[in-house]
Amino acid sequence: MKMVSAAVALAAMVALAPEARAEWKPTKTITIVSPFTGVGPAVIVGQTLAKHLGDRLGVNVIMEPRQSADGVLGTRAMINEAPDGYTFVLATNTSTAGRQFWKNPDATYDLKKLDMILLAGEAFPVLVVSANSSHRTVKDLVEAAKARPKEKPLQCGFGTLTNRIVLLAFAKAAGIAIQDVQYRGESEQLIGGIETRGEIECAVLTGTNGIERIAAGTLRGLAVLGGERTSFAPSLPTLAESGVKGIETRIFIGLAAPAGTPKEVGERIRKEVRAILEDPKVREIFRANSLIPRFGDGKELQRRIEDESVMWAAVIKLYNLPQRD
């Protein structure tokens, strides 16, 4: 009788236990949408993930450019894709927090229409001047800017909305006036503007665009615009160490998908990306491009976006930055 009771109890437990989900196995091509122009940190991360995900999942994983100046329109274009696990989009500071620059609701998008899947990497913006500049430190730059008449502000360039926000936040914290000069992405036009043509006096660059040129001696690094030094340029101080406090940012790069994407899809992609980021060959690709492999789940990516959005909103309001139609 006891054996019968035990068997009944076991059957009841099995019946009540949650059904185990089978691991998701894709059967067709997966697309990672890249909503950015040029080849920056996000595109490098996306290309690396696409190649290695394809190898691990046994299907083609391709990068599809849907370019827009700040990534917002490119992201908006894919949110109505079927949430079937076969479409993802690169998510960064600019393409998510940057949606606040659009006042027309039809031109932007609601974050709730995206499922945040994972965080994959980071890059640090750096503040640079030309190699022959008289400014050797942030203090030099700030003192020179303060000594100028208001009608001649410091000319400083940027190529992404994220770096514009960081640049303006730096100016406010340092108590200086600047003229923020926009270039189309972190292109040779921006690099040349400070490196050879002298169009601008300083710039904010991301990842390898700044670090490589600092190492080569064609640009001089003044500070890392994050909360800690970077191993790629360990002698480069942070802004806080340079006397300007309150500015700490990192360029984050992750993956998002249309809202309603099956949970088992996200679980499989996270499992594979975690393994990819631990691969020594992948870590070398990241290192060569001044990128930091940083795995996090969808909640971590969501937290990063929320924190960044608060900073962007404050800077947009402070400078009364015009919103786009």
C-alpha atoms as a PDB file:
ATOM      1  CA  MET A   1       0.000   0.000   0.000  1.00  0.00           C
ATOM      2  CA  LYS A   2       2.867   2.354   0.898  1.00  0.00           C
ATOM      3  CA  MET A   3       4.475   1.677  -2.467  1.00  0.00           C
ATOM      4  CA  VAL A   4       1.220   2.548  -4.246  1.00  0.00           C
ATOM      5  CA  SER A   5       0.886   5.789  -2.218  1.00  0.00           C
ATOM      6  CA  ALA A   6       4.477   6.741  -3.055  1.00  0.00           C
ATOM      7  CA  ALA A   7       3.879   6.125  -6.735  1.00  0.00           C
ATOM      8  CA  VAL A   8       0.713   8.255  -6.668  1.00  0.00           C
ATOM      9  CA  ALA A   9       2.559  11.047  -4.879  1.00  0.00           C
ATOM     10  CA  LEU A  10       5.404  10.949  -7.404  1.00  0.00           C
ATOM     11  CA  ALA A  11       2.959  11.083 -10.302  1.00  0.00           C
ATOM     12  CA  ALA A  12       1.255  14.089  -8.715  1.00  0.00           C
ATOM     13  CA  MET A  13       4.585  15.893  -8.315  1.00  0.00           C
ATOM     14  CA  VAL A  14       5.475  15.282 -11.942  1.00  0.00           C
ATOM     15  CA  ALA A  15       2.071  16.535 -13.044  1.00  0.00           C
ATOM     16  CA  LEU A  16       2.442  19.722 -11.002  1.00  0.00           C
ATOM     17  CA  ALA A  17       6.044  20.416 -11.994  1.00  0.00           C
ATOM     18  CA  PRO A  18       6.569  23.133 -14.642  1.00  0.00           C
ATOM     19  CA  GLU A  19       7.069  21.747 -18.095  1.00  0.00           C
ATOM     20  CA  ALA A  20      10.736  21.778 -19.080  1.00  0.00           C
ATOM     21  CA  ARG A  21      11.368  23.936 -22.114  1.00  0.00           C
ATOM     22  CA  ALA A  22      13.282  22.305 -24.907  1.00  0.00           C
ATOM     23  CA  GLU A  23      16.331  24.280 -26.048  1.00  0.00           C
ATOM     24  CA  TRP A  24      15.471  26.500 -29.011  1.00  0.00           C
ATOM     25  CA  LYS A  25      17.004  25.392 -32.303  1.00  0.00           C
ATOM     26  CA  PRO A  26      16.806  27.862 -35.182  1.00  0.00           C
ATOM     27  CA  THR A  27      15.939  26.522 -38.613  1.00  0.00           C
ATOM     28  CA  LYS A  28      16.568  29.544 -40.845  1.00  0.00           C
ATOM     29  CA  THR A  29      18.715  32.657 -41.214  1.00  0.00           C
ATOM     30  CA  ILE A  30      18.916  35.023 -38.230  1.00  0.00           C
ATOM     31  CA  THR A  31      19.286  38.754 -38.904  1.00  0.00           C
ATOM     32  CA  ILE A  32      21.028  41.260 -36.644  1.00  0.00           C
ATOM     33  CA  VAL A  33      19.988  44.760 -37.698  1.00  0.00           C
ATOM     34  CA  SER A  34      22.709  47.420 -37.541  1.00  0.00           C
ATOM     35  CA  PRO A  35      21.043  50.860 -37.413  1.00  0.00           C
ATOM     36  CA  PHE A  36      24.321  52.796 -37.565  1.00  0.00           C
ATOM     37  CA  THR A  37      26.469  54.473 -40.189  1.00  0.00           C
ATOM     38  CA  GLY A  38      30.150  53.658 -40.519  1.00  0.00           C
ATOM     39  CA  VAL A  39      32.107  50.984 -38.677  1.00  0.00           C
ATOM     40  CA  GLY A  40      32.173  51.792 -34.980  1.00  0.00           C
ATOM     41  CA  PRO A  41      32.248  49.705 -31.797  1.00  0.00           C
ATOM     42  CA  ALA A  42      28.646  48.490 -32.153  1.00  0.00           C
ATOM     43  CA  VAL A  43      29.168  47.259 -35.712  1.00  0.00           C
ATOM     44  CA  ILE A  44      32.385  45.453 -34.735  1.00  0.00           C
ATOM     45  CA  VAL A  45      30.599  43.722 -31.857  1.00  0.00           C
ATOM     46  CA  GLY A  46      27.664  42.847 -34.095  1.00  0.00           C
ATOM     47  CA  GLN A  47      29.854  41.375 -36.826  1.00  0.00           C
ATOM     48  CA  THR A  48      31.780  39.307 -34.281  1.00  0.00           C
ATOM     49  CA  LEU A  49      28.612  37.963 -32.661  1.00  0.00           C
ATOM     50  CA  ALA A  50      27.037  37.198 -36.042  1.00  0.00           C
ATOM     51  CA  LYS A  51      29.973  35.085 -37.191  1.00  0.00           C
ATOM     52  CA  HIS A  52      30.315  33.094 -33.990  1.00  0.00           C
ATOM     53  CA  LEU A  53      26.579  32.690 -33.383  1.00  0.00           C
ATOM     54  CA  GLY A  54      26.277  31.254 -36.877  1.00  0.00           C
ATOM     55  CA  ASP A  55      29.009  28.733 -36.124  1.00  0.00           C
ATOM     56  CA  ARG A  56      27.432  27.700 -32.827  1.00  0.00           C
ATOM     57  CA  LEU A  57      23.794  27.638 -33.953  1.00  0.00           C
ATOM     58  CA  GLY A  58      24.374  25.970 -37.305  1.00  0.00           C
ATOM     59  CA  VAL A  59      22.486  28.594 -39.354  1.00  0.00           C
ATOM     60  CA  ASN A  60      23.442  31.747 -41.201  1.00  0.00           C
ATOM     61  CA  VAL A  61      23.516  34.849 -39.006  1.00  0.00           C
ATOM     62  CA  ILE A  62      23.802  38.036 -41.038  1.00  0.00           C
ATOM     63  CA  MET A  63      24.205  41.732 -40.321  1.00  0.00           C
ATOM     64  CA  GLU A  64      21.678  43.909 -42.123  1.00  0.00           C
ATOM     65  CA  PRO A  65      22.340  47.679 -42.265  1.00  0.00           C
ATOM     66  CA  ARG A  66      19.309  49.904 -41.740  1.00  0.00           C
ATOM     67  CA  GLN A  67      21.323  53.033 -41.304  1.00  0.00           C
ATOM     68  CA  SER A  68      20.239  56.308 -39.794  1.00  0.00           C
ATOM     69  CA  ALA A  69      22.294  59.140 -38.377  1.00  0.00           C
ATOM     70  CA  ASP A  70      21.751  58.219 -34.746  1.00  0.00           C
ATOM     71  CA  GLY A  71      20.409  54.680 -34.919  1.00  0.00           C
ATOM     72  CA  VAL A  72      16.935  55.661 -33.690  1.00  0.00           C
ATOM     73  CA  LEU A  73      15.157  55.494 -37.039  1.00  0.00           C
ATOM     74  CA  GLY A  74      16.978  52.304 -37.924  1.00  0.00           C
ATOM     75  CA  THR A  75      15.807  50.747 -34.665  1.00  0.00           C
ATOM     76  CA  ARG A  76      12.249  51.978 -35.138  1.00  0.00           C
ATOM     77  CA  ALA A  77      12.158  50.385 -38.590  1.00  0.00           C
ATOM     78  CA  MET A  78      12.511  46.893 -37.154  1.00  0.00           C
ATOM     79  CA  ILE A  79      10.236  46.954 -34.111  1.00  0.00           C
ATOM     80  CA  ASN A  80       7.291  45.740 -36.150  1.00  0.00           C
ATOM     81  CA  GLU A  81       9.172  42.646 -37.282  1.00  0.00           C
ATOM     82  CA  ALA A  82       7.681  39.304 -36.291  1.00  0.00           C
ATOM     83  CA  PRO A  83       8.813  38.352 -32.753  1.00  0.00           C
ATOM     84  CA  ASP A  84       9.805  34.882 -33.882  1.00  0.00           C
ATOM     85  CA  GLY A  85      13.435  34.879 -32.754  1.00  0.00           C
ATOM     86  CA  TYR A  86      14.941  35.520 -36.162  1.00  0.00           C
ATOM     87  CA  THR A  87      15.433  39.301 -35.941  1.00  0.00           C
ATOM     88  CA  PHE A  88      17.577  41.219 -33.455  1.00  0.00           C
ATOM     89  CA  VAL A  89      18.908  44.767 -33.351  1.00  0.00           C
ATOM     90  CA  LEU A  90      22.087  46.246 -31.923  1.00  0.00           C
ATOM     91  CA  ALA A  91      21.171  48.408 -28.933  1.00  0.00           C
ATOM     92  CA  THR A  92      23.450  51.191 -27.694  1.00  0.00           C
ATOM     93  CA  ASN A  93      23.300  54.438 -25.728  1.00  0.00           C
ATOM     94  CA  THR A  94      22.594  56.411 -28.902  1.00  0.00           C
ATOM     95  CA  SER A  95      19.926  54.180 -30.450  1.00  0.00           C
ATOM     96  CA  THR A  96      17.960  53.873 -27.182  1.00  0.00           C
ATOM     97  CA  ALA A  97      18.457  56.964 -25.004  1.00  0.00           C
ATOM     98  CA  GLY A  98      18.775  59.005 -28.199  1.00  0.00           C
ATOM     99  CA  ARG A  99      15.087  58.556 -28.972  1.00  0.00           C
ATOM    100  CA  GLN A 100      14.509  61.547 -26.638  1.00  0.00           C
ATOM    101  CA  PHE A 101      15.807  63.810 -29.400  1.00  0.00           C
ATOM    102  CA  TRP A 102      12.696  63.117 -31.467  1.00  0.00           C
ATOM    103  CA  LYS A 103       9.541  65.034 -30.583  1.00  0.00           C
ATOM    104  CA  ASN A 104       7.408  63.420 -33.294  1.00  0.00           C
ATOM    105  CA  PRO A 105       6.119  60.137 -31.823  1.00  0.00           C
ATOM    106  CA  ASP A 106       5.867  58.704 -35.328  1.00  0.00           C
ATOM    107  CA  ALA A 107       9.636  59.169 -35.803  1.00  0.00           C
ATOM    108  CA  THR A 108      10.717  57.490 -32.580  1.00  0.00           C
ATOM    109  CA  TYR A 109       9.589  54.390 -30.701  1.00  0.00           C
ATOM    110  CA  ASP A 110       8.493  53.078 -27.334  1.00  0.00           C
ATOM    111  CA  LEU A 111      11.099  50.974 -25.522  1.00  0.00           C
ATOM    112  CA  LYS A 112       8.286  48.638 -24.480  1.00  0.00           C
ATOM    113  CA  LYS A 113       8.174  47.483 -28.087  1.00  0.00           C
ATOM    114  CA  LEU A 114      11.574  45.871 -27.604  1.00  0.00           C
ATOM    115  CA  ASP A 115      12.661  42.925 -25.484  1.00  0.00           C
ATOM    116  CA  MET A 116      16.141  43.514 -24.099  1.00  0.00           C
ATOM    117  CA  ILE A 117      18.099  40.302 -24.666  1.00  0.00           C
ATOM    118  CA  LEU A 118      21.646  40.855 -23.441  1.00  0.00           C
ATOM    119  CA  LEU A 119      24.638  43.117 -22.923  1.00  0.00           C
ATOM    120  CA  ALA A 120      27.733  42.112 -24.921  1.00  0.00           C
ATOM    121  CA  GLY A 121      30.383  44.800 -24.670  1.00  0.00           C
ATOM    122  CA  GLU A 122      31.549  48.247 -23.647  1.00  0.00           C
ATOM    123  CA  ALA A 123      33.794  51.008 -24.925  1.00  0.00           C
ATOM    124  CA  PHE A 124      35.074  54.152 -23.243  1.00  0.00           C
ATOM    125  CA  PRO A 125      34.882  57.596 -24.877  1.00  0.00           C
ATOM    126  CA  VAL A 126      38.079  59.632 -24.611  1.00  0.00           C
ATOM    127  CA  LEU A 127      38.688  63.380 -24.760  1.00  0.00           C
ATOM    128  CA  VAL A 128      41.479  64.180 -27.227  1.00  0.00           C
ATOM    129  CA  VAL A 129      43.359  67.132 -28.718  1.00  0.00           C
ATOM    130  CA  SER A 130      45.807  67.256 -31.607  1.00  0.00           C
ATOM    131  CA  ALA A 131      49.323  66.014 -30.983  1.00  0.00           C
ATOM    132  CA  ASN A 132      50.747  69.529 -31.385  1.00  0.00           C
ATOM    133  CA  SER A 133      48.179  71.202 -29.115  1.00  0.00           C
ATOM    134  CA  SER A 134      49.487  73.325 -26.261  1.00  0.00           C
ATOM    135  CA  HIS A 135      46.937  71.625 -23.989  1.00  0.00           C
ATOM    136  CA  ARG A 136      48.533  68.684 -22.217  1.00  0.00           C
ATOM    137  CA  THR A 137      45.895  68.127 -19.532  1.00  0.00           C
ATOM    138  CA  VAL A 138      42.188  68.667 -18.950  1.00  0.00           C
ATOM    139  CA  LYS A 139      43.144  71.500 -16.606  1.00  0.00           C
ATOM    140  CA  ASP A 140      45.029  73.230 -19.451  1.00  0.00           C
ATOM    141  CA  LEU A 141      42.016  72.899 -21.745  1.00  0.00           C
ATOM    142  CA  VAL A 142      39.567  74.193 -19.136  1.00  0.00           C
ATOM    143  CA  GLU A 143      41.745  77.160 -18.165  1.00  0.00           C
ATOM    144  CA  ALA A 144      42.223  78.130 -21.817  1.00  0.00           C
ATOM    145  CA  ALA A 145      38.469  77.943 -22.441  1.00  0.00           C
ATOM    146  CA  LYS A 146      37.694  80.102 -19.406  1.00  0.00           C
ATOM    147  CA  ALA A 147      40.205  82.736 -20.506  1.00  0.00           C
ATOM    148  CA  ARG A 148      38.425  83.269 -23.825  1.00  0.00           C
ATOM    149  CA  PRO A 149      35.731  85.802 -24.630  1.00  0.00           C
ATOM    150  CA  LYS A 150      32.265  84.245 -24.664  1.00  0.00           C
ATOM    151  CA  GLU A 151      31.932  84.842 -28.397  1.00  0.00           C
ATOM    152  CA  LYS A 152      34.910  82.549 -29.039  1.00  0.00           C
ATOM    153  CA  PRO A 153      33.988  79.249 -27.369  1.00  0.00           C
ATOM    154  CA  LEU A 154      36.122  76.137 -27.558  1.00  0.00           C
ATOM    155  CA  GLN A 155      35.498  74.237 -30.804  1.00  0.00           C
ATOM    156  CA  CYS A 156      35.018  70.555 -29.985  1.00  0.00           C
ATOM    157  CA  GLY A 157      33.883  67.807 -32.326  1.00  0.00           C
ATOM    158  CA  PHE A 158      31.753  64.692 -31.998  1.00  0.00           C
ATOM    159  CA  GLY A 159      30.465  62.002 -34.322  1.00  0.00           C
ATOM    160  CA  THR A 160      27.656  60.354 -32.334  1.00  0.00           C
ATOM    161  CA  LEU A 161      24.808  61.654 -30.209  1.00  0.00           C
ATOM    162  CA  THR A 162      26.210  59.833 -27.189  1.00  0.00           C
ATOM    163  CA  ASN A 163      29.487  61.688 -27.474  1.00  0.00           C
ATOM    164  CA  ARG A 164      27.647  64.984 -27.944  1.00  0.00           C
ATOM    165  CA  ILE A 165      25.762  64.431 -24.702  1.00  0.00           C
ATOM    166  CA  VAL A 166      29.001  63.523 -22.903  1.00  0.00           C
ATOM    167  CA  LEU A 167      30.760  66.549 -24.378  1.00  0.00           C
ATOM    168  CA  LEU A 168      28.050  68.969 -23.250  1.00  0.00           C
ATOM    169  CA  ALA A 169      27.866  67.367 -19.808  1.00  0.00           C
ATOM    170  CA  PHE A 170      31.648  67.826 -19.513  1.00  0.00           C
ATOM    171  CA  ALA A 171      31.370  71.500 -20.490  1.00  0.00           C
ATOM    172  CA  LYS A 172      28.698  72.113 -17.864  1.00  0.00           C
ATOM    173  CA  ALA A 173      30.629  70.300 -15.129  1.00  0.00           C
ATOM    174  CA  ALA A 174      33.834  72.182 -16.029  1.00  0.00           C
ATOM    175  CA  GLY A 175      32.041  75.533 -16.226  1.00  0.00           C
ATOM    176  CA  ILE A 176      33.192  76.342 -19.765  1.00  0.00           C
ATOM    177  CA  ALA A 177      31.548  77.400 -23.012  1.00  0.00           C
ATOM    178  CA  ILE A 178      32.018  75.191 -26.060  1.00  0.00           C
ATOM    179  CA  GLN A 179      30.798  75.060 -29.623  1.00  0.00           C
ATOM    180  CA  ASP A 180      29.916  71.443 -30.327  1.00  0.00           C
ATOM    181  CA  VAL A 181      30.738  70.632 -33.938  1.00  0.00           C
ATOM    182  CA  GLN A 182      28.982  67.651 -35.489  1.00  0.00           C
ATOM    183  CA  TYR A 183      30.545  65.263 -37.990  1.00  0.00           C
ATOM    184  CA  ARG A 184      28.892  62.321 -39.713  1.00  0.00           C
ATOM    185  CA  GLY A 185      29.953  59.464 -37.470  1.00  0.00           C
ATOM    186  CA  GLU A 186      33.494  58.907 -36.240  1.00  0.00           C
ATOM    187  CA  SER A 187      34.774  59.111 -39.773  1.00  0.00           C
ATOM    188  CA  GLU A 188      38.038  60.205 -41.290  1.00  0.00           C
ATOM    189  CA  GLN A 189      36.393  63.612 -41.664  1.00  0.00           C
ATOM    190  CA  LEU A 190      36.166  63.991 -37.882  1.00  0.00           C
ATOM    191  CA  ILE A 191      39.623  62.503 -37.300  1.00  0.00           C
ATOM    192  CA  GLY A 192      41.123  64.772 -39.946  1.00  0.00           C
ATOM    193  CA  GLY A 193      39.304  67.767 -38.513  1.00  0.00           C
ATOM    194  CA  ILE A 194      41.377  67.546 -35.358  1.00  0.00           C
ATOM    195  CA  GLU A 195      44.405  65.534 -36.448  1.00  0.00           C
ATOM    196  CA  THR A 196      45.514  67.423 -39.557  1.00  0.00           C
ATOM    197  CA  ARG A 197      43.192  70.225 -40.667  1.00  0.00           C
ATOM    198  CA  GLY A 198      42.829  72.019 -37.341  1.00  0.00           C
ATOM    199  CA  GLU A 199      39.102  72.659 -37.769  1.00  0.00           C
ATOM    200  CA  ILE A 200      38.420  71.812 -34.134  1.00  0.00           C
ATOM    201  CA  GLU A 201      40.454  71.998 -30.940  1.00  0.00           C
ATOM    202  CA  CYS A 202      39.241  68.895 -29.153  1.00  0.00           C
ATOM    203  CA  ALA A 203      37.012  65.897 -29.777  1.00  0.00           C
ATOM    204  CA  VAL A 204      35.322  63.009 -28.039  1.00  0.00           C
ATOM    205  CA  LEU A 205      36.136  59.700 -29.728  1.00  0.00           C
ATOM    206  CA  THR A 206      35.088  56.160 -28.900  1.00  0.00           C
ATOM    207  CA  GLY A 207      37.170  53.030 -28.449  1.00  0.00           C
ATOM    208  CA  THR A 208      39.829  52.304 -31.020  1.00  0.00           C
ATOM    209  CA  ASN A 209      39.163  55.538 -32.936  1.00  0.00           C
ATOM    210  CA  GLY A 210      40.779  57.413 -30.068  1.00  0.00           C
ATOM    211  CA  ILE A 211      43.021  54.839 -28.381  1.00  0.00           C
ATOM    212  CA  GLU A 212      44.898  53.805 -31.541  1.00  0.00           C
ATOM    213  CA  ARG A 213      45.719  57.386 -32.449  1.00  0.00           C
ATOM    214  CA  ILE A 214      46.788  58.222 -28.917  1.00  0.00           C
ATOM    215  CA  ALA A 215      49.144  55.223 -28.990  1.00  0.00           C
ATOM    216  CA  ALA A 216      50.456  56.265 -32.423  1.00  0.00           C
ATOM    217  CA  GLY A 217      51.077  59.800 -31.203  1.00  0.00           C
ATOM    218  CA  THR A 218      48.853  61.493 -33.810  1.00  0.00           C
ATOM    219  CA  LEU A 219      46.404  62.603 -31.106  1.00  0.00           C
ATOM    220  CA  ARG A 220      46.953  63.414 -27.450  1.00  0.00           C
ATOM    221  CA  GLY A 221      44.577  61.890 -24.933  1.00  0.00           C
ATOM    222  CA  LEU A 222      43.492  64.106 -22.061  1.00  0.00           C
ATOM    223  CA  ALA A 223      41.040  61.891 -20.186  1.00  0.00           C
ATOM    224  CA  VAL A 224      38.844  58.825 -20.195  1.00  0.00           C
ATOM    225  CA  LEU A 225      35.202  59.848 -19.863  1.00  0.00           C
ATOM    226  CA  GLY A 226      34.294  56.850 -17.721  1.00  0.00           C
ATOM    227  CA  GLY A 227      34.448  56.150 -14.026  1.00  0.00           C
ATOM    228  CA  GLU A 228      37.690  54.185 -14.221  1.00  0.00           C
ATOM    229  CA  ARG A 229      40.881  54.050 -16.230  1.00  0.00           C
ATOM    230  CA  THR A 230      41.065  51.745 -19.206  1.00  0.00           C
ATOM    231  CA  SER A 231      43.673  49.030 -19.601  1.00  0.00           C
ATOM    232  CA  PHE A 232      44.055  50.117 -23.236  1.00  0.00           C
ATOM    233  CA  ALA A 233      45.604  53.416 -22.098  1.00  0.00           C
ATOM    234  CA  PRO A 234      46.403  52.952 -18.406  1.00  0.00           C
ATOM    235  CA  SER A 235      48.270  56.269 -18.075  1.00  0.00           C
ATOM    236  CA  LEU A 236      45.217  58.227 -19.245  1.00  0.00           C
ATOM    237  CA  PRO A 237      43.412  59.713 -16.207  1.00  0.00           C
ATOM    238  CA  THR A 238      39.662  59.851 -15.737  1.00  0.00           C
ATOM    239  CA  LEU A 239      37.846  63.175 -15.811  1.00  0.00           C
ATOM    240  CA  ALA A 240      37.338  62.914 -12.056  1.00  0.00           C
ATOM    241  CA  GLU A 241      41.074  62.457 -11.557  1.00  0.00           C
ATOM    242  CA  SER A 242      41.557  65.507 -13.759  1.00  0.00           C
ATOM    243  CA  GLY A 243      39.354  67.665 -11.526  1.00  0.00           C
ATOM    244  CA  VAL A 244      36.029  67.455 -13.378  1.00  0.00           C
ATOM    245  CA  LYS A 245      33.625  65.286 -11.404  1.00  0.00           C
ATOM    246  CA  GLY A 246      30.200  63.848 -12.118  1.00  0.00           C
ATOM    247  CA  ILE A 247      30.769  62.632 -15.695  1.00  0.00           C
ATOM    248  CA  GLU A 248      30.941  58.865 -15.976  1.00  0.00           C
ATOM    249  CA  THR A 249      29.750  57.075 -19.056  1.00  0.00           C
ATOM    250  CA  ARG A 250      30.423  53.918 -21.000  1.00  0.00           C
ATOM    251  CA  ILE A 251      29.309  53.056 -24.475  1.00  0.00           C
ATOM    252  CA  PHE A 252      27.263  49.878 -24.043  1.00  0.00           C
ATOM    253  CA  ILE A 253      26.465  47.472 -26.856  1.00  0.00           C
ATOM    254  CA  GLY A 254      23.766  44.839 -26.590  1.00  0.00           C
ATOM    255  CA  LEU A 255      21.070  42.969 -28.460  1.00  0.00           C
ATOM    256  CA  ALA A 256      17.343  43.615 -28.398  1.00  0.00           C
ATOM    257  CA  ALA A 257      14.452  41.934 -30.222  1.00  0.00           C
ATOM    258  CA  PRO A 258      10.831  42.736 -31.073  1.00  0.00           C
ATOM    259  CA  ALA A 259       8.598  42.556 -27.998  1.00  0.00           C
ATOM    260  CA  GLY A 260       7.083  39.124 -27.522  1.00  0.00           C
ATOM    261  CA  THR A 261      10.115  37.159 -28.739  1.00  0.00           C
ATOM    262  CA  PRO A 262       9.869  33.676 -27.147  1.00  0.00           C
ATOM    263  CA  LYS A 263      11.734  33.342 -23.850  1.00  0.00           C
ATOM    264  CA  GLU A 264      13.504  30.188 -25.016  1.00  0.00           C
ATOM    265  CA  VAL A 265      15.032  32.192 -27.868  1.00  0.00           C
ATOM    266  CA  GLY A 266      16.520  34.716 -25.464  1.00  0.00           C
ATOM    267  CA  GLU A 267      17.796  31.912 -23.218  1.00  0.00           C
ATOM    268  CA  ARG A 268      19.593  30.213 -26.099  1.00  0.00           C
ATOM    269  CA  ILE A 269      21.096  33.412 -27.474  1.00  0.00           C
ATOM    270  CA  ARG A 270      22.334  34.421 -24.003  1.00  0.00           C
ATOM    271  CA  LYS A 271      23.867  30.995 -23.474  1.00  0.00           C
ATOM    272  CA  GLU A 272      25.748  31.139 -26.765  1.00  0.00           C
ATOM    273  CA  VAL A 273      26.872  34.765 -26.448  1.00  0.00           C
ATOM    274  CA  ARG A 274      28.191  34.157 -22.930  1.00  0.00           C
ATOM    275  CA  ALA A 275      30.336  31.334 -24.347  1.00  0.00           C
ATOM    276  CA  ILE A 276      31.403  33.436 -27.328  1.00  0.00           C
ATOM    277  CA  LEU A 277      32.614  36.259 -25.077  1.00  0.00           C
ATOM    278  CA  GLU A 278      34.776  33.801 -23.145  1.00  0.00           C
ATOM    279  CA  ASP A 279      36.502  32.576 -26.314  1.00  0.00           C
ATOM    280  CA  PRO A 280      40.157  33.794 -26.307  1.00  0.00           C
ATOM    281  CA  LYS A 281      40.000  34.558 -30.050  1.00  0.00           C
ATOM    282  CA  VAL A 282      36.932  36.730 -29.582  1.00  0.00           C
ATOM    283  CA  ARG A 283      38.465  38.492 -26.606  1.00  0.00           C
ATOM    284  CA  GLU A 284      41.472  39.286 -28.795  1.00  0.00           C
ATOM    285  CA  ILE A 285      39.195  40.818 -31.447  1.00  0.00           C
ATOM    286  CA  PHE A 286      37.636  42.987 -28.757  1.00  0.00           C
ATOM    287  CA  ARG A 287      41.040  43.945 -27.342  1.00  0.00           C
ATOM    288  CA  ALA A 288      42.383  44.883 -30.790  1.00  0.00           C
ATOM    289  CA  ASN A 289      39.454  47.289 -31.172  1.00  0.00           C
ATOM    290  CA  SER A 290      39.702  48.744 -27.638  1.00  0.00           C
ATOM    291  CA  LEU A 291      36.454  47.023 -26.671  1.00  0.00           C
ATOM    292  CA  ILE A 292      35.650  45.281 -23.402  1.00  0.00           C
ATOM    293  CA  PRO A 293      33.655  42.016 -23.522  1.00  0.00           C
ATOM    294  CA  ARG A 294      30.960  42.455 -20.880  1.00  0.00           C
ATOM    295  CA  PHE A 295      28.158  39.926 -20.638  1.00  0.00           C
ATOM    296  CA  GLY A 296      24.897  40.861 -18.962  1.00  0.00           C
ATOM    297  CA  ASP A 297      21.308  39.694 -19.214  1.00  0.00           C
ATOM    298  CA  GLY A 298      18.364  41.674 -20.544  1.00  0.00           C
ATOM    299  CA  LYS A 299      17.729  43.279 -17.151  1.00  0.00           C
ATOM    300  CA  GLU A 300      21.264  44.635 -17.076  1.00  0.00           C
ATOM    301  CA  LEU A 301      20.870  46.125 -20.557  1.00  0.00           C
ATOM    302  CA  GLN A 302      17.539  47.659 -19.504  1.00  0.00           C
ATOM    303  CA  ARG A 303      19.170  49.204 -16.422  1.00  0.00           C
ATOM    304  CA  ARG A 304      21.936  50.722 -18.523  1.00  0.00           C
ATOM    305  CA  ILE A 305      19.380  52.245 -20.888  1.00  0.00           C
ATOM    306  CA  GLU A 306      17.328  53.702 -18.031  1.00  0.00           C
ATOM    307  CA  ASP A 307      20.393  55.241 -16.341  1.00  0.00           C
ATOM    308  CA  GLU A 308      21.627  56.707 -19.614  1.00  0.00           C
ATOM    309  CA  SER A 309      18.183  58.086 -20.446  1.00  0.00           C
ATOM    310  CA  VAL A 310      18.135  60.057 -17.179  1.00  0.00           C
ATOM    311  CA  MET A 311      21.477  61.713 -18.030  1.00  0.00           C
ATOM    312  CA  TRP A 312      20.386  62.485 -21.591  1.00  0.00           C
ATOM    313  CA  ALA A 313      17.120  64.044 -20.431  1.00  0.00           C
ATOM    314  CA  ALA A 314      18.986  66.303 -17.982  1.00  0.00           C
ATOM    315  CA  VAL A 315      21.489  67.493 -20.620  1.00  0.00           C
ATOM    316  CA  ILE A 316      18.779  68.041 -23.259  1.00  0.00           C
ATOM    317  CA  LYS A 317      16.821  70.188 -20.803  1.00  0.00           C
ATOM    318  CA  LEU A 318      19.866  72.048 -19.493  1.00  0.00           C
ATOM    319  CA  TYR A 319      21.054  73.116 -22.938  1.00  0.00           C
ATOM    320  CA  ASN A 320      17.565  73.384 -24.411  1.00  0.00           C
ATOM    321  CA  LEU A 321      18.762  71.177 -27.265  1.00  0.00           C
ATOM    322  CA  PRO A 322      16.433  71.255 -30.254  1.00  0.00           C
ATOM    323  CA  GLN A 323      14.429  68.127 -30.881  1.00  0.00           C
ATOM    324  CA  ARG A 324      13.962  66.743 -34.345  1.00  0.00           C
ATOM    325  CA  ASP A 325      10.658  66.498 -36.140  1.00  0.00           C
END
